[in-house]
Amino acid sequence: MDEFSAHRLRNVIPVLIQQRNIMVSAGGSLAGHLVDLAIMELRMTLHDVSEEELSQLSDIVSVSLAAGEQAD
């Protein structure tokens, strides 16, 4: 991705965050969650994080959480 495209995507994130906050404060928690997913996708794109890498991270976090619950 070229720097101009990356800059444009970075500028979209604060707007989406603002819109998400408006939705959530109006009781639209599902809509807010969907916007959160869009924000995450933009950040993954900006930082070249693949879906496979995200899946691996999710697996590691899940195992850590499960291990922590078993220790309690």
Protein backbone atom coordinates (compact mmCIF):
# COMPACT_ATOMS: atom_id res chain seq x y z
CA MET A 1 0.00 0.00 0.00
CA ASP A 2 1.35 3.41 -0.88
CA GLU A 3 1.76 6.15 1.72
CA PHE A 4 -1.11 8.22 0.33
CA SER A 5 -3.56 5.33 0.70
CA ALA A 6 -2.28 4.55 4.19
CA HIS A 7 -2.69 8.19 5.19
CA ARG A 8 -6.28 8.22 3.94
CA LEU A 9 -7.09 5.05 5.89
CA ARG A 10 -5.51 6.46 9.05
CA ASN A 11 -7.77 9.50 8.72
CA VAL A 12 -10.87 7.30 8.52
CA ILE A 13 -10.26 5.60 11.88
CA PRO A 14 -10.99 8.63 14.14
CA VAL A 15 -14.20 9.31 12.20
CA LEU A 16 -15.31 5.71 12.65
CA ILE A 17 -14.49 5.85 16.37
CA GLN A 18 -16.59 8.99 16.74
CA GLN A 19 -19.49 7.41 14.86
CA ARG A 20 -19.21 4.23 16.92
CA ASN A 21 -19.42 6.25 20.13
CA ILE A 22 -22.56 7.99 18.87
CA MET A 23 -24.16 4.65 17.97
CA VAL A 24 -23.34 3.06 21.31
CA SER A 25 -24.58 6.05 23.31
CA ALA A 26 -27.86 5.83 21.36
CA GLY A 27 -28.24 2.17 22.35
CA GLY A 28 -26.88 0.63 19.17
CA SER A 29 -24.42 -1.78 20.74
CA LEU A 30 -24.55 -4.23 17.82
CA ALA A 31 -23.93 -1.43 15.31
CA GLY A 32 -21.06 -0.19 17.50
CA HIS A 33 -19.58 -3.66 17.53
CA LEU A 34 -19.75 -3.86 13.73
CA VAL A 35 -17.95 -0.52 13.45
CA ASP A 36 -15.32 -1.84 15.89
CA LEU A 37 -14.75 -4.75 13.51
CA ALA A 38 -14.34 -2.33 10.60
CA ILE A 39 -11.81 -0.33 12.63
CA MET A 40 -9.91 -3.51 13.47
CA GLU A 41 -9.86 -4.51 9.79
CA LEU A 42 -8.46 -1.09 8.82
CA ARG A 43 -5.76 -1.33 11.48
CA MET A 44 -4.85 -4.84 10.34
CA THR A 45 -4.55 -3.55 6.77
CA LEU A 46 -2.40 -0.61 7.84
CA HIS A 47 -0.04 -2.84 9.81
CA ASP A 48 0.01 -5.73 7.31
CA VAL A 49 -1.48 -8.21 9.79
CA SER A 50 -2.90 -11.22 7.98
CA GLU A 51 -6.04 -13.08 8.99
CA GLU A 52 -3.82 -16.10 9.72
CA GLU A 53 -1.71 -14.07 12.15
CA LEU A 54 -4.83 -12.77 13.86
CA SER A 55 -6.17 -16.32 14.12
CA GLN A 56 -2.91 -17.51 15.70
CA LEU A 57 -3.00 -14.66 18.21
CA SER A 58 -6.61 -15.49 19.04
CA ASP A 59 -5.65 -19.13 19.66
CA ILE A 60 -2.81 -18.10 21.99
CA VAL A 61 -5.05 -15.74 23.95
CA SER A 62 -7.77 -18.39 24.23
CA VAL A 63 -5.31 -20.96 25.59
CA SER A 64 -3.93 -18.40 28.07
CA LEU A 65 -7.41 -17.47 29.28
CA ALA A 66 -8.37 -21.14 29.66
CA ALA A 67 -5.18 -21.84 31.61
CA GLY A 68 -5.88 -18.86 33.88
CA GLU A 69 -9.42 -20.07 34.57
CA GLN A 70 -8.15 -23.53 35.49
CA ALA A 71 -5.67 -22.02 37.96
CA ASP A 72 -8.51 -20.30 39.84
